[in-house]
N, C-alpha and C. Protein backbone atom coordinates (compact mmCIF):
# COMPACT_ATOMS: atom_id res chain seq x y z
N MET A 1 8.29 4.98 -45.80
CA MET A 1 8.36 4.66 -44.37
C MET A 1 8.37 3.14 -44.17
N GLU A 2 9.28 2.68 -43.33
CA GLU A 2 9.39 1.25 -43.08
C GLU A 2 8.17 0.74 -42.33
N LYS A 3 7.64 -0.38 -42.78
CA LYS A 3 6.46 -0.98 -42.14
C LYS A 3 6.84 -1.48 -40.74
N LYS A 4 6.00 -1.15 -39.76
CA LYS A 4 6.25 -1.61 -38.40
C LYS A 4 5.91 -3.08 -38.26
N LYS A 5 6.71 -3.78 -37.50
CA LYS A 5 6.49 -5.20 -37.25
C LYS A 5 5.25 -5.36 -36.37
N THR A 6 4.38 -6.30 -36.73
CA THR A 6 3.16 -6.54 -35.95
C THR A 6 3.43 -7.59 -34.89
N ILE A 7 3.04 -7.26 -33.66
CA ILE A 7 3.18 -8.16 -32.52
C ILE A 7 1.81 -8.32 -31.87
N TYR A 8 1.36 -9.56 -31.73
CA TYR A 8 0.08 -9.84 -31.08
C TYR A 8 0.34 -10.26 -29.64
N ILE A 9 -0.33 -9.60 -28.70
CA ILE A 9 -0.11 -9.90 -27.29
C ILE A 9 -1.43 -10.10 -26.57
N ASP A 10 -1.60 -11.26 -25.94
CA ASP A 10 -2.69 -11.49 -25.00
C ASP A 10 -2.12 -11.20 -23.62
N MET A 11 -2.68 -10.20 -22.94
CA MET A 11 -2.17 -9.80 -21.63
C MET A 11 -3.16 -10.20 -20.55
N PHE A 12 -2.66 -10.85 -19.51
CA PHE A 12 -3.45 -11.25 -18.35
C PHE A 12 -3.10 -10.30 -17.21
N LEU A 13 -4.10 -9.67 -16.62
CA LEU A 13 -3.84 -8.61 -15.65
C LEU A 13 -4.96 -8.47 -14.64
N ASP A 14 -4.62 -7.80 -13.54
CA ASP A 14 -5.60 -7.36 -12.54
C ASP A 14 -5.41 -5.86 -12.38
N LEU A 15 -6.47 -5.11 -12.29
CA LEU A 15 -6.36 -3.66 -12.14
C LEU A 15 -5.67 -3.26 -10.85
N ILE A 16 -5.66 -4.13 -9.83
CA ILE A 16 -5.01 -3.82 -8.57
C ILE A 16 -3.50 -3.94 -8.67
N CYS A 17 -3.01 -4.58 -9.70
CA CYS A 17 -1.59 -4.96 -9.81
C CYS A 17 -0.75 -3.81 -10.37
N GLU A 18 0.11 -3.25 -9.52
CA GLU A 18 0.98 -2.16 -9.97
C GLU A 18 1.92 -2.61 -11.08
N TRP A 19 2.34 -3.87 -11.03
CA TRP A 19 3.26 -4.37 -12.05
C TRP A 19 2.54 -4.53 -13.39
N CYS A 20 1.26 -4.84 -13.35
CA CYS A 20 0.47 -4.88 -14.59
C CYS A 20 0.36 -3.48 -15.19
N PHE A 21 0.14 -2.50 -14.33
CA PHE A 21 0.07 -1.10 -14.77
C PHE A 21 1.37 -0.69 -15.43
N LEU A 22 2.49 -1.04 -14.81
CA LEU A 22 3.79 -0.73 -15.39
C LEU A 22 4.01 -1.50 -16.69
N GLY A 23 3.66 -2.80 -16.68
CA GLY A 23 3.86 -3.62 -17.87
C GLY A 23 3.10 -3.10 -19.07
N LYS A 24 1.84 -2.72 -18.84
CA LYS A 24 1.03 -2.17 -19.93
C LYS A 24 1.60 -0.83 -20.39
N GLY A 25 2.06 -0.02 -19.42
CA GLY A 25 2.62 1.28 -19.77
C GLY A 25 3.85 1.16 -20.64
N VAL A 26 4.71 0.19 -20.34
CA VAL A 26 5.90 -0.02 -21.16
C VAL A 26 5.50 -0.41 -22.58
N LEU A 27 4.57 -1.34 -22.71
CA LEU A 27 4.14 -1.77 -24.05
C LEU A 27 3.47 -0.62 -24.81
N ASP A 28 2.66 0.16 -24.12
CA ASP A 28 2.02 1.31 -24.77
C ASP A 28 3.07 2.29 -25.31
N SER A 29 4.18 2.43 -24.57
CA SER A 29 5.22 3.37 -24.98
C SER A 29 5.95 2.91 -26.24
N MET A 30 5.74 1.66 -26.63
CA MET A 30 6.46 1.10 -27.78
C MET A 30 5.62 1.06 -29.05
N LYS A 31 4.40 1.59 -28.97
CA LYS A 31 3.51 1.49 -30.13
C LYS A 31 3.92 2.38 -31.29
N ASP A 32 4.86 3.29 -31.06
CA ASP A 32 5.39 4.06 -32.19
C ASP A 32 6.46 3.29 -32.94
N ARG A 33 6.95 2.19 -32.33
CA ARG A 33 8.00 1.38 -32.94
C ARG A 33 7.46 0.06 -33.51
N TYR A 34 6.37 -0.42 -32.92
CA TYR A 34 5.78 -1.70 -33.35
C TYR A 34 4.26 -1.55 -33.46
N ASP A 35 3.69 -2.34 -34.33
CA ASP A 35 2.24 -2.43 -34.42
C ASP A 35 1.80 -3.50 -33.41
N ILE A 36 1.53 -3.06 -32.18
CA ILE A 36 1.20 -3.99 -31.09
C ILE A 36 -0.31 -4.12 -30.99
N VAL A 37 -0.79 -5.34 -31.20
CA VAL A 37 -2.22 -5.63 -31.13
C VAL A 37 -2.47 -6.35 -29.80
N MET A 38 -3.23 -5.70 -28.91
CA MET A 38 -3.43 -6.23 -27.56
C MET A 38 -4.82 -6.83 -27.40
N ARG A 39 -4.87 -7.95 -26.67
CA ARG A 39 -6.13 -8.49 -26.17
C ARG A 39 -5.94 -8.68 -24.67
N TYR A 40 -7.02 -8.47 -23.90
CA TYR A 40 -6.91 -8.46 -22.45
C TYR A 40 -7.75 -9.55 -21.81
N HIS A 41 -7.21 -10.12 -20.74
CA HIS A 41 -7.87 -11.18 -19.97
C HIS A 41 -7.66 -10.86 -18.49
N PHE A 42 -8.74 -10.74 -17.75
CA PHE A 42 -8.64 -10.26 -16.37
C PHE A 42 -8.58 -11.42 -15.38
N VAL A 43 -7.71 -11.25 -14.39
CA VAL A 43 -7.47 -12.28 -13.37
C VAL A 43 -7.54 -11.61 -12.00
N GLU A 44 -8.35 -12.17 -11.11
CA GLU A 44 -8.44 -11.65 -9.74
C GLU A 44 -7.34 -12.30 -8.91
N ILE A 45 -6.31 -11.53 -8.58
CA ILE A 45 -5.15 -12.11 -7.91
C ILE A 45 -5.23 -12.07 -6.38
N HIS A 46 -6.18 -11.31 -5.84
CA HIS A 46 -6.33 -11.25 -4.39
C HIS A 46 -7.80 -11.45 -4.00
N PRO A 47 -8.37 -12.62 -4.30
CA PRO A 47 -9.78 -12.86 -3.99
C PRO A 47 -10.07 -12.89 -2.49
N ASP A 48 -9.03 -13.01 -1.67
CA ASP A 48 -9.21 -13.04 -0.22
C ASP A 48 -9.38 -11.64 0.37
N THR A 49 -9.23 -10.61 -0.43
CA THR A 49 -9.43 -9.24 0.06
C THR A 49 -10.89 -9.02 0.41
N PRO A 50 -11.20 -8.44 1.58
CA PRO A 50 -12.60 -8.17 1.94
C PRO A 50 -13.33 -7.37 0.86
N GLN A 51 -14.63 -7.54 0.79
CA GLN A 51 -15.44 -6.96 -0.28
C GLN A 51 -15.21 -5.46 -0.45
N GLY A 52 -15.14 -4.74 0.64
CA GLY A 52 -14.97 -3.29 0.54
C GLY A 52 -13.53 -2.84 0.50
N GLY A 53 -12.59 -3.80 0.46
CA GLY A 53 -11.17 -3.46 0.48
C GLY A 53 -10.61 -3.58 1.89
N MET A 54 -9.32 -3.35 2.01
CA MET A 54 -8.65 -3.43 3.31
C MET A 54 -7.59 -2.34 3.39
N PRO A 55 -7.13 -2.01 4.58
CA PRO A 55 -6.09 -0.98 4.68
C PRO A 55 -4.85 -1.37 3.87
N MET A 56 -4.29 -0.41 3.19
CA MET A 56 -3.12 -0.67 2.37
C MET A 56 -1.98 -1.27 3.18
N THR A 57 -1.89 -0.92 4.44
CA THR A 57 -0.82 -1.43 5.30
C THR A 57 -0.93 -2.94 5.51
N TRP A 58 -2.12 -3.53 5.30
CA TRP A 58 -2.26 -4.98 5.41
C TRP A 58 -1.56 -5.67 4.25
N HIS A 59 -1.52 -4.99 3.13
CA HIS A 59 -0.90 -5.56 1.93
C HIS A 59 0.59 -5.21 1.87
N ALA A 60 0.91 -3.98 2.17
CA ALA A 60 2.31 -3.51 2.16
C ALA A 60 2.55 -2.79 3.48
N PRO A 61 3.34 -3.37 4.39
CA PRO A 61 3.54 -2.77 5.72
C PRO A 61 4.07 -1.33 5.67
N HIS A 62 4.81 -1.00 4.62
CA HIS A 62 5.35 0.36 4.47
C HIS A 62 4.97 0.90 3.09
N PRO A 63 3.71 1.27 2.91
CA PRO A 63 3.25 1.66 1.57
C PRO A 63 4.00 2.84 0.99
N GLU A 64 4.47 3.76 1.83
CA GLU A 64 5.18 4.92 1.30
C GLU A 64 6.47 4.49 0.60
N ARG A 65 7.15 3.50 1.15
CA ARG A 65 8.37 2.99 0.51
C ARG A 65 8.02 2.26 -0.79
N PHE A 66 6.95 1.50 -0.74
CA PHE A 66 6.53 0.75 -1.93
C PHE A 66 6.21 1.68 -3.08
N PHE A 67 5.38 2.70 -2.81
CA PHE A 67 4.97 3.60 -3.89
C PHE A 67 6.15 4.44 -4.39
N LYS A 68 7.09 4.75 -3.51
CA LYS A 68 8.27 5.49 -3.95
C LYS A 68 9.10 4.64 -4.90
N ALA A 69 9.25 3.35 -4.56
CA ALA A 69 10.06 2.45 -5.40
C ALA A 69 9.44 2.25 -6.77
N VAL A 70 8.14 1.92 -6.81
CA VAL A 70 7.51 1.69 -8.12
C VAL A 70 7.35 3.00 -8.88
N GLY A 71 7.25 4.11 -8.15
CA GLY A 71 7.11 5.41 -8.80
C GLY A 71 8.33 5.80 -9.60
N ILE A 72 9.49 5.40 -9.14
CA ILE A 72 10.73 5.70 -9.86
C ILE A 72 10.71 5.01 -11.22
N ILE A 73 10.27 3.76 -11.24
CA ILE A 73 10.17 3.03 -12.51
C ILE A 73 9.11 3.67 -13.40
N ALA A 74 7.99 4.02 -12.81
CA ALA A 74 6.86 4.56 -13.57
C ALA A 74 7.22 5.85 -14.29
N GLU A 75 7.96 6.72 -13.62
CA GLU A 75 8.27 8.03 -14.20
C GLU A 75 9.00 7.91 -15.53
N HIS A 76 9.80 6.87 -15.67
CA HIS A 76 10.56 6.68 -16.91
C HIS A 76 9.65 6.50 -18.11
N TYR A 77 8.43 5.99 -17.87
CA TYR A 77 7.48 5.74 -18.95
C TYR A 77 6.29 6.69 -18.91
N GLY A 78 6.45 7.80 -18.22
CA GLY A 78 5.40 8.81 -18.17
C GLY A 78 4.20 8.40 -17.35
N LEU A 79 4.39 7.48 -16.40
CA LEU A 79 3.31 7.00 -15.54
C LEU A 79 3.46 7.58 -14.14
N LYS A 80 2.37 7.54 -13.39
CA LYS A 80 2.39 8.12 -12.05
C LYS A 80 1.53 7.28 -11.12
N PHE A 81 2.04 7.07 -9.91
CA PHE A 81 1.29 6.41 -8.85
C PHE A 81 0.89 7.45 -7.80
N THR A 82 -0.36 7.38 -7.37
CA THR A 82 -0.81 8.16 -6.22
C THR A 82 -0.95 7.21 -5.04
N PRO A 83 -0.22 7.45 -3.94
CA PRO A 83 -0.37 6.57 -2.77
C PRO A 83 -1.82 6.51 -2.32
N ARG A 84 -2.24 5.36 -1.86
CA ARG A 84 -3.63 5.19 -1.44
C ARG A 84 -3.68 4.50 -0.09
N GLU A 85 -4.80 4.67 0.58
CA GLU A 85 -4.98 4.09 1.91
C GLU A 85 -5.69 2.75 1.87
N ILE A 86 -6.43 2.49 0.78
CA ILE A 86 -7.23 1.26 0.67
C ILE A 86 -6.68 0.36 -0.43
N PHE A 87 -6.59 -0.92 -0.12
CA PHE A 87 -6.26 -1.94 -1.12
C PHE A 87 -7.58 -2.61 -1.50
N PRO A 88 -8.11 -2.34 -2.71
CA PRO A 88 -9.47 -2.78 -3.05
C PRO A 88 -9.59 -4.27 -3.36
N ASN A 89 -10.79 -4.77 -3.19
CA ASN A 89 -11.18 -6.05 -3.78
C ASN A 89 -11.63 -5.73 -5.21
N THR A 90 -11.08 -6.45 -6.19
CA THR A 90 -11.36 -6.10 -7.58
C THR A 90 -12.32 -7.05 -8.29
N HIS A 91 -12.94 -7.96 -7.54
CA HIS A 91 -13.80 -8.95 -8.20
C HIS A 91 -14.87 -8.30 -9.07
N ASP A 92 -15.63 -7.38 -8.50
CA ASP A 92 -16.75 -6.80 -9.24
C ASP A 92 -16.28 -5.98 -10.43
N ILE A 93 -15.25 -5.16 -10.23
CA ILE A 93 -14.82 -4.31 -11.35
C ILE A 93 -14.20 -5.14 -12.47
N LEU A 94 -13.60 -6.28 -12.12
CA LEU A 94 -13.05 -7.14 -13.18
C LEU A 94 -14.16 -7.87 -13.94
N CYS A 95 -15.25 -8.20 -13.26
CA CYS A 95 -16.41 -8.76 -13.98
C CYS A 95 -16.93 -7.75 -15.00
N VAL A 96 -17.00 -6.49 -14.59
CA VAL A 96 -17.45 -5.44 -15.51
C VAL A 96 -16.42 -5.25 -16.63
N ALA A 97 -15.15 -5.39 -16.29
CA ALA A 97 -14.11 -5.27 -17.31
C ALA A 97 -14.25 -6.35 -18.38
N GLU A 98 -14.61 -7.56 -17.96
CA GLU A 98 -14.82 -8.63 -18.94
C GLU A 98 -16.05 -8.35 -19.80
N TYR A 99 -17.07 -7.75 -19.21
CA TYR A 99 -18.24 -7.33 -19.99
C TYR A 99 -17.81 -6.29 -21.02
N ALA A 100 -16.99 -5.33 -20.59
CA ALA A 100 -16.48 -4.31 -21.51
C ALA A 100 -15.66 -4.96 -22.62
N ASN A 101 -14.93 -6.00 -22.26
CA ASN A 101 -14.14 -6.76 -23.24
C ASN A 101 -15.02 -7.28 -24.36
N ASP A 102 -16.17 -7.82 -24.00
CA ASP A 102 -17.11 -8.35 -25.00
C ASP A 102 -17.61 -7.27 -25.95
N LEU A 103 -17.62 -6.04 -25.48
CA LEU A 103 -18.10 -4.92 -26.31
C LEU A 103 -16.97 -4.19 -27.02
N GLY A 104 -15.75 -4.72 -26.89
CA GLY A 104 -14.61 -4.05 -27.53
C GLY A 104 -14.15 -2.81 -26.81
N LEU A 105 -14.47 -2.71 -25.52
CA LEU A 105 -14.14 -1.52 -24.74
C LEU A 105 -13.14 -1.79 -23.63
N ALA A 106 -12.39 -2.87 -23.76
CA ALA A 106 -11.42 -3.19 -22.70
C ALA A 106 -10.37 -2.10 -22.54
N GLU A 107 -9.86 -1.59 -23.65
CA GLU A 107 -8.80 -0.58 -23.58
C GLU A 107 -9.25 0.67 -22.81
N PRO A 108 -10.38 1.30 -23.18
CA PRO A 108 -10.81 2.47 -22.40
C PRO A 108 -11.19 2.12 -20.97
N PHE A 109 -11.68 0.90 -20.75
CA PHE A 109 -12.04 0.51 -19.39
C PHE A 109 -10.79 0.40 -18.52
N ILE A 110 -9.75 -0.21 -19.05
CA ILE A 110 -8.49 -0.32 -18.30
C ILE A 110 -7.94 1.07 -18.00
N LYS A 111 -7.97 1.94 -18.98
CA LYS A 111 -7.47 3.31 -18.77
C LYS A 111 -8.25 4.01 -17.67
N ALA A 112 -9.57 3.90 -17.73
CA ALA A 112 -10.40 4.56 -16.72
C ALA A 112 -10.16 3.95 -15.34
N GLY A 113 -9.99 2.63 -15.29
CA GLY A 113 -9.72 1.97 -14.02
C GLY A 113 -8.38 2.37 -13.44
N TYR A 114 -7.37 2.43 -14.28
CA TYR A 114 -6.04 2.83 -13.81
C TYR A 114 -6.02 4.31 -13.42
N ASP A 115 -6.72 5.14 -14.16
CA ASP A 115 -6.80 6.56 -13.78
C ASP A 115 -7.41 6.72 -12.39
N ALA A 116 -8.43 5.90 -12.11
CA ALA A 116 -9.11 5.98 -10.81
C ALA A 116 -8.22 5.46 -9.69
N LEU A 117 -7.61 4.29 -9.90
CA LEU A 117 -6.85 3.65 -8.83
C LEU A 117 -5.43 4.19 -8.74
N MET A 118 -4.67 4.05 -9.82
CA MET A 118 -3.27 4.44 -9.78
C MET A 118 -3.10 5.96 -9.81
N GLY A 119 -3.99 6.64 -10.53
CA GLY A 119 -3.86 8.09 -10.66
C GLY A 119 -4.45 8.87 -9.51
N LEU A 120 -5.61 8.43 -9.02
CA LEU A 120 -6.32 9.19 -7.99
C LEU A 120 -6.38 8.48 -6.64
N GLY A 121 -6.00 7.21 -6.60
CA GLY A 121 -6.01 6.46 -5.34
C GLY A 121 -7.40 6.09 -4.86
N LEU A 122 -8.37 5.97 -5.79
CA LEU A 122 -9.75 5.68 -5.41
C LEU A 122 -9.94 4.18 -5.14
N ASN A 123 -11.00 3.87 -4.43
CA ASN A 123 -11.29 2.50 -4.02
C ASN A 123 -12.13 1.80 -5.09
N LEU A 124 -11.53 0.88 -5.84
CA LEU A 124 -12.25 0.19 -6.91
C LEU A 124 -13.25 -0.83 -6.38
N SER A 125 -13.34 -0.99 -5.06
CA SER A 125 -14.39 -1.83 -4.48
C SER A 125 -15.71 -1.08 -4.38
N ASP A 126 -15.65 0.23 -4.41
CA ASP A 126 -16.82 1.09 -4.20
C ASP A 126 -17.73 1.03 -5.43
N PRO A 127 -19.00 0.62 -5.28
CA PRO A 127 -19.91 0.54 -6.43
C PRO A 127 -20.00 1.85 -7.21
N ALA A 128 -19.95 2.98 -6.51
CA ALA A 128 -20.03 4.27 -7.20
C ALA A 128 -18.80 4.50 -8.08
N ILE A 129 -17.64 4.07 -7.61
CA ILE A 129 -16.42 4.21 -8.41
C ILE A 129 -16.45 3.26 -9.60
N ILE A 130 -16.93 2.04 -9.39
CA ILE A 130 -17.06 1.08 -10.49
C ILE A 130 -17.96 1.65 -11.58
N GLU A 131 -19.08 2.23 -11.16
CA GLU A 131 -20.00 2.82 -12.14
C GLU A 131 -19.35 3.99 -12.87
N ALA A 132 -18.61 4.82 -12.14
CA ALA A 132 -17.95 5.97 -12.76
C ALA A 132 -16.91 5.51 -13.78
N VAL A 133 -16.17 4.47 -13.45
CA VAL A 133 -15.18 3.92 -14.38
C VAL A 133 -15.88 3.39 -15.63
N ALA A 134 -16.97 2.67 -15.43
CA ALA A 134 -17.71 2.11 -16.56
C ALA A 134 -18.24 3.21 -17.48
N ILE A 135 -18.80 4.24 -16.90
CA ILE A 135 -19.35 5.34 -17.70
C ILE A 135 -18.25 6.04 -18.48
N ARG A 136 -17.12 6.25 -17.83
CA ARG A 136 -16.01 6.91 -18.53
C ARG A 136 -15.50 6.06 -19.69
N ALA A 137 -15.63 4.73 -19.56
CA ALA A 137 -15.17 3.83 -20.62
C ALA A 137 -16.19 3.67 -21.74
N GLY A 138 -17.39 4.26 -21.58
CA GLY A 138 -18.40 4.18 -22.62
C GLY A 138 -19.54 3.24 -22.31
N LEU A 139 -19.60 2.72 -21.08
CA LEU A 139 -20.71 1.88 -20.65
C LEU A 139 -21.71 2.74 -19.88
N ASP A 140 -22.65 2.09 -19.20
CA ASP A 140 -23.60 2.82 -18.39
C ASP A 140 -23.90 2.00 -17.14
N ALA A 141 -24.73 2.55 -16.25
CA ALA A 141 -25.04 1.87 -14.99
C ALA A 141 -25.73 0.53 -15.24
N GLU A 142 -26.55 0.46 -16.26
CA GLU A 142 -27.24 -0.79 -16.58
C GLU A 142 -26.25 -1.87 -16.98
N ALA A 143 -25.17 -1.48 -17.68
CA ALA A 143 -24.15 -2.45 -18.08
C ALA A 143 -23.47 -3.05 -16.86
N VAL A 144 -23.24 -2.22 -15.84
CA VAL A 144 -22.62 -2.71 -14.61
C VAL A 144 -23.52 -3.76 -13.97
N GLU A 145 -24.81 -3.46 -13.90
CA GLU A 145 -25.76 -4.40 -13.30
C GLU A 145 -25.80 -5.71 -14.09
N LYS A 146 -25.77 -5.63 -15.41
CA LYS A 146 -25.80 -6.84 -16.23
C LYS A 146 -24.55 -7.69 -16.00
N ALA A 147 -23.41 -7.04 -15.94
CA ALA A 147 -22.16 -7.77 -15.76
C ALA A 147 -22.12 -8.49 -14.42
N LEU A 148 -22.62 -7.84 -13.37
CA LEU A 148 -22.56 -8.43 -12.04
C LEU A 148 -23.64 -9.49 -11.85
N ALA A 149 -24.68 -9.43 -12.64
CA ALA A 149 -25.77 -10.41 -12.52
C ALA A 149 -25.51 -11.67 -13.35
N ASP A 150 -24.59 -11.59 -14.30
CA ASP A 150 -24.33 -12.72 -15.19
C ASP A 150 -23.14 -13.52 -14.68
N PRO A 151 -23.35 -14.76 -14.25
CA PRO A 151 -22.26 -15.55 -13.66
C PRO A 151 -21.12 -15.88 -14.62
N LYS A 152 -21.35 -15.71 -15.91
CA LYS A 152 -20.29 -16.07 -16.85
C LYS A 152 -19.08 -15.17 -16.71
N TYR A 153 -19.28 -13.93 -16.25
CA TYR A 153 -18.14 -13.03 -16.13
C TYR A 153 -17.28 -13.38 -14.92
N ALA A 154 -17.92 -13.77 -13.82
CA ALA A 154 -17.15 -14.25 -12.67
C ALA A 154 -16.43 -15.54 -13.03
N GLN A 155 -17.08 -16.40 -13.78
CA GLN A 155 -16.45 -17.65 -14.20
C GLN A 155 -15.27 -17.39 -15.12
N ARG A 156 -15.37 -16.37 -15.92
CA ARG A 156 -14.29 -16.06 -16.85
C ARG A 156 -13.02 -15.68 -16.09
N LEU A 157 -13.18 -14.98 -14.95
CA LEU A 157 -12.00 -14.65 -14.14
C LEU A 157 -11.31 -15.93 -13.68
N VAL A 158 -12.10 -16.90 -13.27
CA VAL A 158 -11.55 -18.19 -12.84
C VAL A 158 -10.88 -18.90 -14.01
N ASP A 159 -11.54 -18.90 -15.15
CA ASP A 159 -11.00 -19.58 -16.33
C ASP A 159 -9.68 -18.94 -16.77
N ASN A 160 -9.61 -17.62 -16.71
CA ASN A 160 -8.37 -16.93 -17.10
C ASN A 160 -7.22 -17.33 -16.19
N GLU A 161 -7.50 -17.41 -14.89
CA GLU A 161 -6.45 -17.79 -13.95
C GLU A 161 -6.01 -19.23 -14.19
N GLU A 162 -6.97 -20.10 -14.41
CA GLU A 162 -6.65 -21.51 -14.67
C GLU A 162 -5.82 -21.65 -15.96
N TYR A 163 -6.14 -20.84 -16.94
CA TYR A 163 -5.42 -20.93 -18.21
C TYR A 163 -3.95 -20.58 -18.04
N ILE A 164 -3.66 -19.49 -17.32
CA ILE A 164 -2.24 -19.14 -17.18
C ILE A 164 -1.51 -20.11 -16.27
N PHE A 165 -2.23 -20.75 -15.34
CA PHE A 165 -1.62 -21.84 -14.57
C PHE A 165 -1.22 -22.97 -15.51
N GLN A 166 -2.10 -23.30 -16.44
CA GLN A 166 -1.83 -24.38 -17.39
C GLN A 166 -0.64 -24.04 -18.30
N CYS A 167 -0.43 -22.73 -18.49
CA CYS A 167 0.71 -22.30 -19.30
C CYS A 167 2.03 -22.38 -18.53
N GLY A 168 1.93 -22.69 -17.23
CA GLY A 168 3.13 -22.91 -16.44
C GLY A 168 3.70 -21.72 -15.72
N ASN A 169 2.92 -20.65 -15.57
CA ASN A 169 3.49 -19.48 -14.91
C ASN A 169 2.98 -19.27 -13.48
N GLU A 170 2.33 -20.27 -12.91
CA GLU A 170 1.88 -20.26 -11.51
C GLU A 170 0.85 -19.17 -11.21
N GLY A 171 0.16 -18.71 -12.23
CA GLY A 171 -0.92 -17.75 -12.03
C GLY A 171 -0.50 -16.33 -11.78
N ARG A 172 0.77 -16.02 -12.00
CA ARG A 172 1.25 -14.66 -11.75
C ARG A 172 0.87 -13.72 -12.89
N VAL A 173 0.65 -12.46 -12.54
CA VAL A 173 0.42 -11.42 -13.53
C VAL A 173 1.36 -10.25 -13.23
N PRO A 174 1.70 -9.48 -14.27
CA PRO A 174 1.24 -9.60 -15.64
C PRO A 174 1.84 -10.81 -16.34
N ALA A 175 1.00 -11.44 -17.15
CA ALA A 175 1.45 -12.55 -17.98
C ALA A 175 1.03 -12.23 -19.42
N TYR A 176 1.82 -12.73 -20.35
CA TYR A 176 1.60 -12.41 -21.76
C TYR A 176 1.76 -13.67 -22.61
N ILE A 177 0.91 -13.78 -23.61
CA ILE A 177 1.11 -14.78 -24.67
C ILE A 177 1.35 -13.98 -25.94
N ILE A 178 2.52 -14.17 -26.50
CA ILE A 178 2.96 -13.35 -27.63
C ILE A 178 2.84 -14.16 -28.92
N ASN A 179 2.16 -13.56 -29.88
CA ASN A 179 1.92 -14.21 -31.17
C ASN A 179 1.28 -15.59 -31.02
N GLY A 180 0.47 -15.72 -29.98
CA GLY A 180 -0.31 -16.93 -29.80
C GLY A 180 0.44 -18.13 -29.28
N LYS A 181 1.73 -18.00 -28.97
CA LYS A 181 2.49 -19.20 -28.58
C LYS A 181 3.61 -18.96 -27.57
N TYR A 182 4.14 -17.76 -27.48
CA TYR A 182 5.28 -17.52 -26.60
C TYR A 182 4.80 -16.94 -25.27
N ILE A 183 5.12 -17.59 -24.16
CA ILE A 183 4.66 -17.19 -22.85
C ILE A 183 5.72 -16.33 -22.17
N HIS A 184 5.27 -15.23 -21.57
CA HIS A 184 6.20 -14.35 -20.86
C HIS A 184 5.50 -13.83 -19.61
N THR A 185 6.26 -13.60 -18.55
CA THR A 185 5.69 -13.13 -17.29
C THR A 185 6.55 -12.01 -16.72
N GLY A 186 5.88 -11.04 -16.09
CA GLY A 186 6.61 -9.99 -15.37
C GLY A 186 6.72 -8.70 -16.15
N VAL A 187 7.50 -7.79 -15.61
CA VAL A 187 7.70 -6.47 -16.21
C VAL A 187 9.08 -6.41 -16.84
N GLU A 188 9.13 -5.95 -18.08
CA GLU A 188 10.39 -5.75 -18.79
C GLU A 188 10.49 -4.30 -19.22
N GLY A 189 11.71 -3.81 -19.36
CA GLY A 189 11.91 -2.49 -19.94
C GLY A 189 11.70 -2.53 -21.44
N ASP A 190 11.58 -1.38 -22.06
CA ASP A 190 11.28 -1.33 -23.48
C ASP A 190 12.38 -1.97 -24.34
N GLU A 191 13.63 -1.83 -23.94
CA GLU A 191 14.70 -2.41 -24.75
C GLU A 191 14.70 -3.93 -24.67
N ALA A 192 14.36 -4.48 -23.50
CA ALA A 192 14.27 -5.94 -23.39
C ALA A 192 13.12 -6.47 -24.25
N TRP A 193 11.98 -5.74 -24.25
CA TRP A 193 10.87 -6.14 -25.12
C TRP A 193 11.29 -6.06 -26.59
N ALA A 194 11.98 -4.97 -26.94
CA ALA A 194 12.39 -4.79 -28.34
C ALA A 194 13.30 -5.93 -28.79
N GLU A 195 14.21 -6.34 -27.92
CA GLU A 195 15.09 -7.46 -28.26
C GLU A 195 14.29 -8.73 -28.50
N LEU A 196 13.29 -8.96 -27.64
CA LEU A 196 12.44 -10.13 -27.83
C LEU A 196 11.64 -10.03 -29.12
N PHE A 197 11.02 -8.87 -29.35
CA PHE A 197 10.19 -8.70 -30.55
C PHE A 197 11.00 -8.91 -31.82
N GLU A 198 12.22 -8.39 -31.83
CA GLU A 198 13.05 -8.51 -33.03
C GLU A 198 13.45 -9.96 -33.30
N SER A 199 13.46 -10.79 -32.24
CA SER A 199 13.84 -12.19 -32.41
C SER A 199 12.69 -13.05 -32.93
N LEU A 200 11.48 -12.50 -32.94
CA LEU A 200 10.30 -13.28 -33.31
C LEU A 200 10.04 -13.20 -34.81
N PRO A 201 9.63 -14.31 -35.43
CA PRO A 201 9.23 -14.24 -36.84
C PRO A 201 7.90 -13.50 -36.94
N GLU A 202 7.71 -12.83 -38.06
CA GLU A 202 6.41 -12.17 -38.29
C GLU A 202 5.42 -13.26 -38.65
N GLU A 203 4.35 -13.35 -37.87
CA GLU A 203 3.39 -14.43 -38.10
C GLU A 203 2.00 -14.00 -37.65
N PRO A 204 0.97 -14.57 -38.26
CA PRO A 204 -0.39 -14.21 -37.85
C PRO A 204 -0.73 -14.79 -36.49
N LEU A 205 -1.68 -14.17 -35.81
CA LEU A 205 -2.14 -14.68 -34.52
C LEU A 205 -2.93 -15.96 -34.75
N SER A 206 -2.56 -17.02 -34.02
CA SER A 206 -3.27 -18.29 -34.17
C SER A 206 -4.53 -18.31 -33.33
């Protein structure tokens, strides 16, 4: 069997971001073709959202059209969007996500978060939902309290955003650093990613 090419990707994302959900889904669909090693960095892209969230119509005037459009793309990669009424503030859940990152649980945390928001349309601003996501990812209620009480996790969200600004992408997500040096932003289809991956030399992550 031919050895799969190893690709290292640092992904910058917000759980509220539908394009991040799609971007991760596309990369996940390619893991049978490439040995993709992911690291995650969370960025709060809508810090102006009220603490408990806001009506979805404030963010997208015609949410039914929006979800229909992104849903067509999602179906191609086995993903699904559930329309929702609330656009959450993700500050607290992203702080917990960074805590999960420290424990090596970022992947299950992202999955649980996306299942709750994109799959079920739940409000990720709700403390009960945050706790449920954490527990499903392998954490507990005490871990949520620790993450929210420690200012380093909130600071990390700021640092992550500043870092991608320094990389020249204006703070947009999804953003990717590939093999420690190549910067990419936005959502690509699997064939576009494959073309890029094939053009890269095999090299260790710096």
